[in-house]
Amino acid sequence: MDLRSLVPGTTGLAGVAADALVLVVAGSEAPTLESPLAALLSESLKAGDFELKPARTLYLHRPVGLKAPRLVLAAAADASPKAFKAALAAALSALKPLGVRHAAVALAAKAPQEGAALIDERHAEALATVVAEATYLYRQTKPSAPEGSKLQKVSLVCDKTAGNVVKKGLVRGQAIAAGVTLARECANLPGNHCTPTYLGEQAQALAAQYGFKVEVLGRKEVEKLGMGAFVAVAKGSEEPLRFIVLRYEGAPRTSAPLVLVGKGITFDSGGISIKPAAEMDEMKYDMSGAASVLGTFRALGELAPKVNVVGLIAACENLPGGRANKPGDVLRSMSGQTIEVLNTDAEGRLVLCDALTYAERFKPAAVVDIATLTGACVIALGAQRSGLFCPDEDLAARLLQAGDAALDPAWRMPMDEEYDEALKSNFADMANVGPRGGGAITAAMFLKRFTKAYRWAHLDIAGTAWKGGAAKGATGRPVPLLTHFVLAHAR
């Protein structure tokens, strides 16, 4: 996709040459516009064809006075990047069935203080990510997929003085969009295609493309490391496990790295504690944490920030079988702590705990694990915000700020020590599950037991990593949040 800034000439928006002009109208009052657009907007509002309410759009064909043969009016709640992105998503949906190859996008608002800095790099980034989302089409295992969007070029109209910051935002947005797309592609692949081996190959391909360092360990190497919890989860499947170590080195070696740890369960049947058949197909998305690590590294490869980052992915399948771990089994983790398995469907924390112990060797500045860990988090937060669990105030604040900046928000959840009581076991140092109530929190408290050597945060993305129903598919979240977090750390 060709994304660029566009400074209108003396004829203003009326003279913009594009297949379609998208005008995002911000706020509840009509803005001051040049004569052709002012008349078109006024007439549309008077006729009731268009309203200044979020997500409302109106398509006008061959509008009088405009060089562009198509005009889409899209209403936004205000001029913020978030509202702009939502309005633009609605406008692109209206353009999707048309033969538009080049769209020019402009933002208009009533208030002068808004108009002084209407378009900035945040709007540019939002445009890049929403265009990528609107034009994404999965076709890897679907040869019959329809032809994709005809859109090839999008221009963001801005003042000449804003040109450089807009370009900066477009570059960052395109890098994040590329990372999101990689994460979506990996997660959308079915489990017989996206195996642990496939994830290892994707990591190796990224390393070759961008000069990362990479190691892909198999079962023997993982057993030698003492990752008993990880190995136990993989034992029920004939598909070999993979432990992936990616290293991006953009700063001196003396600079402590950030470590991103991704849960990579490429298919989760629940194991012996098998899940219900309904919607079990969606458990191919249980490697979305791993996909987000790969996607973030793709964005880092494009942006090349001055920071060191390590990506760890523990990848395997969780299936029932003669060798599968059973309820009541006691496992020894890499940390030496023992775990009583009360439910084999609580396997994500078992693979993550060994990866979190492995992370100690990097003497990290901070560690963030990302996992589709609990259905309880979906109940708590739905699909809007990822769950953030973090005992460190500064780290939590930085992750929340990154999510807000990326329009990929999280919500901080409690981690009171009293929740840890639920993990007591008569037969091991801890159980792998507690009672049903507060399940997302007790899962985080389990992981916390393996993170005493460093600053740590956990992102539960069970509600945000994919959509079900008619819109079934991966979202690529939280690649935007993670990328902003890393970039802020670099600064």
Protein backbone atom coordinates (compact mmCIF):
# COMPACT_ATOMS: atom_id res chain seq x y z
CA MET A 1 0.00 0.00 0.00
CA ASP A 2 1.32 3.43 -0.97
CA LEU A 3 0.71 5.83 1.93
CA ARG A 4 1.79 9.45 1.75
CA SER A 5 1.00 12.98 2.89
CA LEU A 6 -0.72 15.39 0.52
CA VAL A 7 -0.68 19.19 0.74
CA PRO A 8 -3.65 20.62 -1.21
CA GLY A 9 -3.01 23.31 -3.81
CA THR A 10 -4.63 26.70 -4.18
CA THR A 11 -7.99 25.09 -5.01
CA GLY A 12 -8.03 23.30 -1.65
CA LEU A 13 -9.86 20.02 -1.13
CA ALA A 14 -12.04 20.70 -4.16
CA GLY A 15 -8.99 20.32 -6.38
CA VAL A 16 -7.57 17.15 -4.81
CA ALA A 17 -7.01 14.58 -7.54
CA ALA A 18 -8.02 11.14 -6.27
CA ASP A 19 -10.58 8.47 -7.06
CA ALA A 20 -12.33 9.37 -3.81
CA LEU A 21 -12.14 12.10 -1.21
CA VAL A 22 -12.90 10.97 2.34
CA LEU A 23 -13.83 13.87 4.60
CA VAL A 24 -13.89 13.03 8.30
CA VAL A 25 -16.12 15.59 10.02
CA ALA A 26 -15.25 15.84 13.71
CA GLY A 27 -17.55 17.03 16.46
CA SER A 28 -21.25 17.81 16.72
CA GLU A 29 -21.12 21.10 14.78
CA ALA A 30 -20.50 21.54 11.07
CA PRO A 31 -16.98 22.90 10.44
CA THR A 32 -16.13 25.84 8.22
CA LEU A 33 -15.36 24.44 4.77
CA GLU A 34 -14.65 25.84 1.31
CA SER A 35 -17.72 26.52 -0.79
CA PRO A 36 -18.29 23.27 -2.73
CA LEU A 37 -17.87 21.07 0.36
CA ALA A 38 -19.72 23.46 2.67
CA ALA A 39 -22.77 23.33 0.42
CA LEU A 40 -22.65 19.55 0.05
CA LEU A 41 -22.36 19.04 3.80
CA SER A 42 -25.10 21.56 4.59
CA GLU A 43 -27.53 20.05 2.09
CA SER A 44 -26.83 16.52 3.35
CA LEU A 45 -27.48 17.54 6.93
CA LYS A 46 -30.68 19.43 6.09
CA ALA A 47 -32.03 16.51 4.07
CA GLY A 48 -31.30 14.08 6.90
CA ASP A 49 -29.04 12.01 4.68
CA PHE A 50 -26.10 12.56 7.01
CA GLU A 51 -25.80 13.15 10.75
CA LEU A 52 -22.89 14.32 12.86
CA LYS A 53 -22.95 11.17 14.96
CA PRO A 54 -20.02 8.74 15.25
CA ALA A 55 -19.77 6.06 12.55
CA ARG A 56 -22.35 7.73 10.26
CA THR A 57 -21.27 7.91 6.62
CA LEU A 58 -22.69 9.23 3.36
CA TYR A 59 -21.47 8.40 -0.13
CA LEU A 60 -21.92 11.00 -2.88
CA HIS A 61 -21.19 10.17 -6.52
CA ARG A 62 -19.91 12.84 -8.92
CA PRO A 63 -20.32 15.69 -6.40
CA VAL A 64 -20.58 19.09 -8.06
CA GLY A 65 -17.49 21.26 -7.70
CA LEU A 66 -15.04 18.51 -6.68
CA LYS A 67 -12.29 17.06 -8.86
CA ALA A 68 -12.62 13.71 -7.06
CA PRO A 69 -15.51 11.73 -8.60
CA ARG A 70 -16.53 10.25 -5.26
CA LEU A 71 -17.01 11.82 -1.83
CA VAL A 72 -17.50 10.02 1.47
CA LEU A 73 -18.55 12.03 4.50
CA ALA A 74 -17.73 10.27 7.78
CA ALA A 75 -18.67 11.57 11.21
CA ALA A 76 -16.28 11.40 14.16
CA ALA A 77 -17.03 12.11 17.81
CA ASP A 78 -14.10 14.53 17.94
CA ALA A 79 -10.76 15.20 16.29
CA SER A 80 -8.80 12.70 18.41
CA PRO A 81 -6.83 9.93 16.67
CA LYS A 82 -9.18 7.33 18.20
CA ALA A 83 -12.33 8.98 16.83
CA PHE A 84 -10.60 9.69 13.51
CA LYS A 85 -9.65 6.02 13.18
CA ALA A 86 -13.19 4.83 13.90
CA ALA A 87 -14.69 7.23 11.35
CA LEU A 88 -12.11 6.27 8.75
CA ALA A 89 -12.84 2.58 9.27
CA ALA A 90 -16.51 3.26 8.51
CA ALA A 91 -15.59 5.31 5.42
CA LEU A 92 -13.29 2.60 4.06
CA SER A 93 -16.05 0.07 4.52
CA ALA A 94 -18.30 2.27 2.34
CA LEU A 95 -15.58 2.43 -0.34
CA LYS A 96 -14.74 -1.28 -0.25
CA PRO A 97 -17.16 -2.48 -2.98
CA LEU A 98 -16.21 0.38 -5.31
CA GLY A 99 -13.35 0.57 -7.80
CA VAL A 100 -11.38 3.11 -5.79
CA ARG A 101 -7.61 2.82 -6.21
CA HIS A 102 -6.57 6.15 -4.69
CA ALA A 103 -8.32 7.73 -1.73
CA ALA A 104 -7.44 11.09 -0.21
CA VAL A 105 -8.37 11.56 3.45
CA ALA A 106 -8.98 14.93 5.14
CA LEU A 107 -10.11 15.90 8.64
CA ALA A 108 -12.30 18.91 9.44
CA ALA A 109 -13.48 20.24 12.80
CA LYS A 110 -15.34 23.33 14.04
CA ALA A 111 -13.17 24.52 16.93
CA PRO A 112 -10.21 26.74 15.94
CA GLN A 113 -8.00 25.20 18.64
CA GLU A 114 -8.58 21.81 17.10
CA GLY A 115 -7.96 23.15 13.61
CA ALA A 116 -4.55 24.52 14.62
CA ALA A 117 -3.17 20.99 14.98
CA LEU A 118 -5.83 18.78 13.47
CA ILE A 119 -3.51 16.31 11.78
CA ASP A 120 -0.40 15.03 13.53
CA GLU A 121 1.70 11.88 13.54
CA ARG A 122 -0.85 10.03 15.69
CA HIS A 123 -3.52 10.52 13.03
CA ALA A 124 -1.07 9.39 10.38
CA GLU A 125 -0.27 6.24 12.33
CA ALA A 126 -3.97 5.57 12.84
CA LEU A 127 -4.57 5.94 9.11
CA ALA A 128 -1.82 3.46 8.26
CA THR A 129 -3.09 0.83 10.68
CA VAL A 130 -6.78 1.17 9.79
CA VAL A 131 -6.05 1.00 6.05
CA ALA A 132 -4.06 -2.21 6.57
CA GLU A 133 -6.90 -3.66 8.64
CA ALA A 134 -9.54 -2.69 6.08
CA THR A 135 -7.64 -4.18 3.15
CA TYR A 136 -6.46 -7.39 4.87
CA LEU A 137 -7.75 -10.58 3.31
CA TYR A 138 -6.86 -14.09 4.46
CA ARG A 139 -6.28 -16.45 1.55
CA GLN A 140 -3.43 -18.82 2.52
CA THR A 141 -5.69 -21.88 2.77
CA LYS A 142 -8.64 -20.44 0.82
CA PRO A 143 -8.00 -20.41 -2.94
CA SER A 144 -11.63 -19.40 -3.50
CA ALA A 145 -11.19 -16.17 -1.54
CA PRO A 146 -12.70 -13.21 -3.40
CA GLU A 147 -10.55 -10.54 -4.99
CA GLY A 148 -9.15 -8.22 -2.37
CA SER A 149 -9.56 -4.47 -2.09
CA LYS A 150 -8.65 -2.45 -5.18
CA LEU A 151 -7.28 0.32 -2.98
CA GLN A 152 -3.59 0.88 -3.75
CA LYS A 153 -2.85 4.40 -2.53
CA VAL A 154 -4.06 6.56 0.36
CA SER A 155 -3.05 10.19 0.83
CA LEU A 156 -3.49 12.06 4.09
CA VAL A 157 -4.27 15.73 3.45
CA CYS A 158 -2.35 18.03 5.79
CA ASP A 159 -0.82 21.50 6.05
CA LYS A 160 2.65 22.00 4.65
CA THR A 161 3.96 22.64 8.17
CA ALA A 162 2.74 19.21 9.32
CA GLY A 163 4.28 17.27 6.45
CA ASN A 164 7.31 15.93 8.32
CA VAL A 165 5.43 14.76 11.41
CA VAL A 166 2.79 13.12 9.22
CA LYS A 167 5.49 11.24 7.33
CA LYS A 168 6.95 10.08 10.64
CA GLY A 169 3.55 8.79 11.74
CA LEU A 170 2.98 7.02 8.44
CA VAL A 171 6.34 5.23 8.68
CA ARG A 172 5.63 4.06 12.22
CA GLY A 173 2.08 3.10 11.33
CA GLN A 174 3.16 1.06 8.33
CA ALA A 175 5.73 -0.81 10.41
CA ILE A 176 3.13 -1.60 13.08
CA ALA A 177 0.65 -2.60 10.38
CA ALA A 178 3.20 -5.01 8.89
CA GLY A 179 3.68 -6.55 12.33
CA VAL A 180 -0.06 -6.82 12.92
CA THR A 181 -0.53 -8.47 9.53
CA LEU A 182 2.17 -11.06 10.27
CA ALA A 183 0.55 -11.83 13.63
CA ARG A 184 -2.88 -12.16 11.99
CA GLU A 185 -1.56 -14.44 9.26
CA CYS A 186 0.12 -16.76 11.76
CA ALA A 187 -2.89 -16.90 14.05
CA ASN A 188 -5.44 -17.37 11.26
CA LEU A 189 -3.62 -20.40 9.88
CA PRO A 190 -5.21 -23.68 11.03
CA GLY A 191 -3.37 -25.84 13.52
CA ASN A 192 -2.26 -28.38 10.92
CA HIS A 193 -0.43 -25.57 9.10
CA CYS A 194 0.72 -23.29 11.91
CA THR A 195 2.63 -25.84 13.99
CA PRO A 196 5.42 -25.17 16.50
CA THR A 197 7.84 -25.98 13.67
CA TYR A 198 6.16 -23.36 11.47
CA LEU A 199 6.53 -20.70 14.17
CA GLY A 200 10.23 -21.56 14.38
CA GLU A 201 10.52 -21.16 10.62
CA GLN A 202 8.81 -17.76 10.78
CA ALA A 203 11.29 -16.63 13.43
CA GLN A 204 14.18 -17.82 11.27
CA ALA A 205 12.75 -15.97 8.26
CA LEU A 206 12.52 -12.73 10.27
CA ALA A 207 16.08 -13.22 11.48
CA ALA A 208 17.31 -13.66 7.92
CA GLN A 209 15.38 -10.63 6.67
CA TYR A 210 16.37 -8.18 9.41
CA GLY A 211 19.61 -9.55 10.82
CA PHE A 212 18.22 -10.80 14.14
CA LYS A 213 19.88 -13.57 16.10
CA VAL A 214 17.74 -16.68 16.48
CA GLU A 215 17.81 -20.08 18.15
CA VAL A 216 15.13 -22.73 17.75
CA LEU A 217 15.41 -25.45 20.39
CA GLY A 218 13.81 -28.89 20.24
CA ARG A 219 12.72 -31.30 22.92
CA LYS A 220 16.16 -32.62 23.83
CA GLU A 221 17.56 -29.14 24.40
CA VAL A 222 14.47 -28.11 26.38
CA GLU A 223 14.67 -31.23 28.56
CA LYS A 224 18.35 -30.52 29.19
CA LEU A 225 17.37 -27.04 30.41
CA GLY A 226 15.02 -28.66 32.91
CA MET A 227 11.78 -27.25 31.47
CA GLY A 228 9.64 -29.99 32.97
CA ALA A 229 6.38 -28.04 32.89
CA PHE A 230 6.73 -27.10 29.22
CA VAL A 231 7.71 -30.63 28.20
CA ALA A 232 4.75 -32.13 30.09
CA VAL A 233 2.25 -30.05 28.12
CA ALA A 234 3.75 -31.18 24.81
CA LYS A 235 3.84 -34.89 25.66
CA GLY A 236 0.31 -35.66 24.47
CA SER A 237 1.04 -34.55 20.90
CA GLU A 238 3.17 -36.10 18.17
CA GLU A 239 3.96 -32.59 16.91
CA PRO A 240 7.43 -31.64 18.22
CA LEU A 241 7.70 -28.66 20.55
CA ARG A 242 9.84 -25.63 19.77
CA PHE A 243 11.42 -23.09 22.10
CA ILE A 244 12.28 -19.99 20.08
CA VAL A 245 14.76 -17.30 21.10
CA LEU A 246 14.84 -14.13 18.94
CA ARG A 247 17.28 -11.30 19.67
CA TYR A 248 17.09 -7.77 18.28
CA GLU A 249 20.23 -5.80 19.14
CA GLY A 250 19.82 -2.12 18.39
CA ALA A 251 21.72 -0.78 21.42
CA PRO A 252 25.10 -1.55 23.03
CA ARG A 253 25.39 -4.94 24.71
CA THR A 254 25.67 -3.22 28.07
CA SER A 255 22.06 -2.03 27.68
CA ALA A 256 19.71 -4.44 29.47
CA PRO A 257 17.12 -5.86 27.07
CA LEU A 258 13.37 -5.94 27.23
CA VAL A 259 12.13 -9.52 27.06
CA LEU A 260 8.81 -10.41 25.40
CA VAL A 261 7.50 -13.90 26.20
CA GLY A 262 4.76 -15.37 24.01
CA LYS A 263 2.47 -18.31 24.70
CA GLY A 264 2.59 -20.50 21.59
CA ILE A 265 -0.02 -23.24 22.01
CA THR A 266 -0.70 -23.86 18.32
CA PHE A 267 -3.77 -25.92 19.18
CA ASP A 268 -5.39 -26.37 22.57
CA SER A 269 -7.86 -29.21 23.00
CA GLY A 270 -7.62 -28.87 26.77
CA GLY A 271 -5.67 -32.12 26.98
CA ILE A 272 -7.16 -34.79 29.27
CA SER A 273 -9.42 -32.06 30.71
CA ILE A 274 -10.85 -31.77 27.21
CA LYS A 275 -12.82 -28.74 26.09
CA PRO A 276 -16.39 -28.87 24.73
CA ALA A 277 -16.52 -29.43 20.96
CA ALA A 278 -18.37 -26.18 20.24
CA GLU A 279 -15.95 -23.48 19.08
CA MET A 280 -12.92 -25.65 19.83
CA ASP A 281 -11.71 -24.75 16.34
CA GLU A 282 -10.96 -21.28 17.71
CA MET A 283 -8.25 -22.79 19.88
CA LYS A 284 -5.90 -22.44 16.91
CA TYR A 285 -5.70 -18.85 18.19
CA ASP A 286 -4.09 -19.98 21.44
CA MET A 287 -0.71 -19.06 19.95
CA SER A 288 -1.67 -15.41 19.53
CA GLY A 289 0.80 -14.37 22.22
CA ALA A 290 3.59 -15.96 20.20
CA ALA A 291 2.24 -14.33 17.04
CA SER A 292 2.33 -10.92 18.73
CA VAL A 293 6.00 -11.41 19.59
CA LEU A 294 6.79 -12.24 15.96
CA GLY A 295 4.72 -9.28 14.79
CA THR A 296 6.48 -6.91 17.16
CA PHE A 297 9.86 -8.09 15.91
CA ARG A 298 8.69 -7.45 12.36
CA ALA A 299 7.86 -3.86 13.35
CA LEU A 300 11.24 -3.49 15.09
CA GLY A 301 13.01 -4.72 11.98
CA GLU A 302 11.31 -1.97 9.98
CA LEU A 303 11.87 0.83 12.50
CA ALA A 304 15.33 -0.14 13.85
CA PRO A 305 15.06 1.60 17.26
CA LYS A 306 18.10 1.87 19.55
CA VAL A 307 17.08 -0.77 22.06
CA ASN A 308 17.77 -4.44 22.81
CA VAL A 309 14.84 -6.84 22.76
CA VAL A 310 14.65 -10.60 23.32
CA GLY A 311 11.65 -12.62 22.17
CA LEU A 312 10.93 -16.00 23.78
CA ILE A 313 8.24 -18.31 22.41
CA ALA A 314 7.27 -21.61 24.01
CA ALA A 315 5.39 -23.47 21.27
CA CYS A 316 3.62 -26.83 21.38
CA GLU A 317 0.20 -28.46 21.10
CA ASN A 318 -1.98 -29.48 24.07
CA LEU A 319 -3.67 -32.76 23.13
CA PRO A 320 -4.93 -35.84 24.97
CA GLY A 321 -2.90 -39.00 24.49
CA GLY A 322 -1.31 -41.94 26.24
CA ARG A 323 1.68 -39.84 27.28
CA ALA A 324 -0.26 -36.66 28.09
CA ASN A 325 -0.02 -35.17 31.57
CA LYS A 326 -3.02 -35.93 33.79
CA PRO A 327 -4.94 -34.20 36.56
CA GLY A 328 -3.09 -34.99 39.77
CA ASP A 329 0.34 -35.19 38.12
CA VAL A 330 3.15 -33.24 39.79
CA LEU A 331 5.63 -31.48 37.48
CA ARG A 332 9.03 -29.98 38.23
CA SER A 333 9.54 -26.63 36.55
CA MET A 334 12.84 -25.16 35.37
CA SER A 335 12.87 -23.02 38.52
CA GLY A 336 12.82 -26.13 40.69
CA GLN A 337 9.33 -25.37 41.98
CA THR A 338 6.83 -28.21 41.70
CA ILE A 339 3.32 -27.89 40.31
CA GLU A 340 0.27 -30.07 40.89
CA VAL A 341 -1.80 -30.26 37.71
CA LEU A 342 -5.45 -29.97 38.70
CA ASN A 343 -6.62 -29.08 35.20
CA THR A 344 -4.67 -29.86 32.02
CA ASP A 345 -6.57 -27.08 30.24
CA ALA A 346 -4.60 -24.57 32.33
CA GLU A 347 -1.56 -25.35 30.22
CA GLY A 348 -0.55 -21.87 29.08
CA ARG A 349 0.84 -20.97 32.49
CA LEU A 350 2.84 -24.22 32.48
CA VAL A 351 4.71 -23.39 29.28
CA LEU A 352 5.10 -19.74 30.28
CA CYS A 353 6.54 -20.43 33.72
CA ASP A 354 9.57 -22.20 32.25
CA ALA A 355 10.03 -19.46 29.63
CA LEU A 356 9.89 -16.84 32.39
CA THR A 357 12.60 -18.68 34.30
CA TYR A 358 14.71 -18.84 31.14
CA ALA A 359 14.34 -15.06 30.79
CA GLU A 360 16.47 -14.53 33.92
CA ARG A 361 19.69 -15.22 32.02
CA PHE A 362 19.32 -12.01 30.01
CA LYS A 363 19.34 -9.81 33.14
CA PRO A 364 16.41 -7.92 31.61
CA ALA A 365 15.27 -4.35 32.15
CA ALA A 366 11.73 -5.77 32.19
CA VAL A 367 9.84 -8.86 31.05
CA VAL A 368 6.36 -8.84 29.54
CA ASP A 369 4.54 -12.09 28.81
CA ILE A 370 1.65 -12.15 26.37
CA ALA A 371 -0.92 -14.94 26.39
CA THR A 372 -4.47 -15.91 25.57
CA LEU A 373 -4.50 -17.24 29.09
CA THR A 374 -7.99 -17.26 30.60
CA GLY A 375 -11.62 -17.18 29.64
CA ALA A 376 -12.09 -15.34 32.92
CA CYS A 377 -10.37 -12.29 31.42
CA VAL A 378 -12.86 -12.31 28.54
CA ILE A 379 -15.71 -12.24 31.07
CA ALA A 380 -14.06 -9.42 33.00
CA LEU A 381 -13.03 -7.12 30.14
CA GLY A 382 -14.69 -8.34 26.95
CA ALA A 383 -12.99 -7.59 23.63
CA GLN A 384 -12.06 -3.93 24.15
CA ARG A 385 -9.10 -3.99 26.53
CA SER A 386 -6.40 -6.55 27.25
CA GLY A 387 -5.90 -7.46 30.89
CA LEU A 388 -2.71 -6.05 32.42
CA PHE A 389 -1.32 -7.65 35.56
CA CYS A 390 1.78 -5.98 36.99
CA PRO A 391 3.09 -5.50 40.53
CA ASP A 392 5.46 -2.73 39.39
CA GLU A 393 3.83 0.73 39.31
CA ASP A 394 6.22 2.31 36.80
CA LEU A 395 6.16 -0.64 34.39
CA ALA A 396 2.36 -0.82 34.58
CA ALA A 397 2.08 2.90 33.83
CA ARG A 398 4.40 2.61 30.83
CA LEU A 399 2.41 -0.28 29.38
CA LEU A 400 -0.89 1.51 29.88
CA GLN A 401 0.52 4.65 28.22
CA ALA A 402 1.80 2.56 25.31
CA GLY A 403 -1.62 1.00 24.85
CA ASP A 404 -3.34 4.38 24.86
CA ALA A 405 -0.81 5.83 22.39
CA ALA A 406 -1.23 2.83 20.10
CA LEU A 407 -5.06 2.81 20.35
CA ASP A 408 -4.59 -0.75 21.64
CA PRO A 409 -5.66 -0.26 25.26
CA ALA A 410 -5.20 -2.42 28.33
CA TRP A 411 -6.77 -2.32 31.79
CA ARG A 412 -4.81 -2.94 34.97
CA MET A 413 -6.17 -5.74 37.14
CA PRO A 414 -5.52 -6.34 40.86
CA MET A 415 -2.80 -8.62 42.19
CA ASP A 416 -3.44 -8.61 45.94
CA GLU A 417 -1.41 -11.22 47.77
CA GLU A 418 -4.61 -12.79 49.13
CA TYR A 419 -5.32 -14.18 45.65
CA ASP A 420 -2.18 -16.28 45.91
CA GLU A 421 -3.75 -18.38 48.67
CA ALA A 422 -5.93 -20.08 46.05
CA LEU A 423 -2.89 -21.85 44.56
CA LYS A 424 -1.99 -23.87 47.67
CA SER A 425 -1.49 -27.61 47.15
CA ASN A 426 -1.08 -30.51 49.57
CA PHE A 427 1.21 -32.31 47.12
CA ALA A 428 3.36 -29.65 45.41
CA ASP A 429 4.65 -26.13 45.85
CA MET A 430 1.56 -24.89 44.05
CA ALA A 431 -1.48 -25.97 42.06
CA ASN A 432 -1.90 -24.84 38.47
CA VAL A 433 -5.44 -23.53 39.04
CA GLY A 434 -7.49 -22.01 41.83
CA PRO A 435 -11.27 -21.69 42.19
CA ARG A 436 -13.37 -20.31 39.34
CA GLY A 437 -13.77 -16.85 40.87
CA GLY A 438 -10.96 -14.46 39.94
CA GLY A 439 -9.48 -16.99 37.53
CA ALA A 440 -7.55 -14.44 35.47
CA ILE A 441 -5.95 -13.07 38.64
CA THR A 442 -4.94 -16.43 40.10
CA ALA A 443 -3.39 -17.29 36.72
CA ALA A 444 -1.31 -14.13 36.94
CA MET A 445 -0.38 -14.91 40.55
CA PHE A 446 0.85 -18.32 39.38
CA LEU A 447 3.15 -16.66 36.82
CA LYS A 448 4.35 -14.13 39.38
CA ARG A 449 5.98 -16.96 41.36
CA PHE A 450 8.50 -17.35 38.54
CA THR A 451 9.42 -13.68 38.13
CA LYS A 452 11.17 -12.68 41.35
CA ALA A 453 14.46 -11.88 39.57
CA TYR A 454 13.17 -8.97 37.47
CA ARG A 455 10.41 -6.44 36.78
CA TRP A 456 7.50 -8.22 35.13
CA ALA A 457 4.08 -7.70 33.59
CA HIS A 458 1.53 -10.10 32.13
CA LEU A 459 -0.92 -9.29 29.33
CA ASP A 460 -3.95 -11.57 29.10
CA ILE A 461 -5.20 -11.14 25.53
CA ALA A 462 -7.85 -13.87 25.50
CA GLY A 463 -10.54 -11.30 24.74
CA THR A 464 -8.63 -9.12 22.30
CA ALA A 465 -6.51 -11.46 20.16
CA TRP A 466 -9.33 -12.65 17.92
CA LYS A 467 -12.96 -12.17 17.01
CA GLY A 468 -15.55 -14.92 16.79
CA GLY A 469 -18.82 -15.25 14.89
CA ALA A 470 -19.24 -13.88 11.37
CA ALA A 471 -16.12 -11.72 11.79
CA LYS A 472 -14.03 -14.69 12.95
CA GLY A 473 -10.34 -13.95 12.65
CA ALA A 474 -7.22 -12.76 14.42
CA THR A 475 -6.82 -9.08 15.30
CA GLY A 476 -3.03 -8.90 15.61
CA ARG A 477 -3.30 -7.31 19.05
CA PRO A 478 -1.32 -6.37 21.08
CA VAL A 479 1.42 -5.74 18.48
CA PRO A 480 0.67 -1.97 18.48
CA LEU A 481 0.88 -1.75 22.28
CA LEU A 482 4.12 -3.76 22.43
CA THR A 483 5.73 -1.75 19.64
CA HIS A 484 4.94 1.56 21.34
CA PHE A 485 6.21 0.15 24.63
CA VAL A 486 9.55 -0.80 23.06
CA LEU A 487 9.87 2.50 21.19
CA ALA A 488 9.19 4.49 24.37
CA HIS A 489 11.85 2.46 26.19
CA ALA A 490 14.32 3.23 23.39
CA ARG A 491 13.65 6.94 23.84
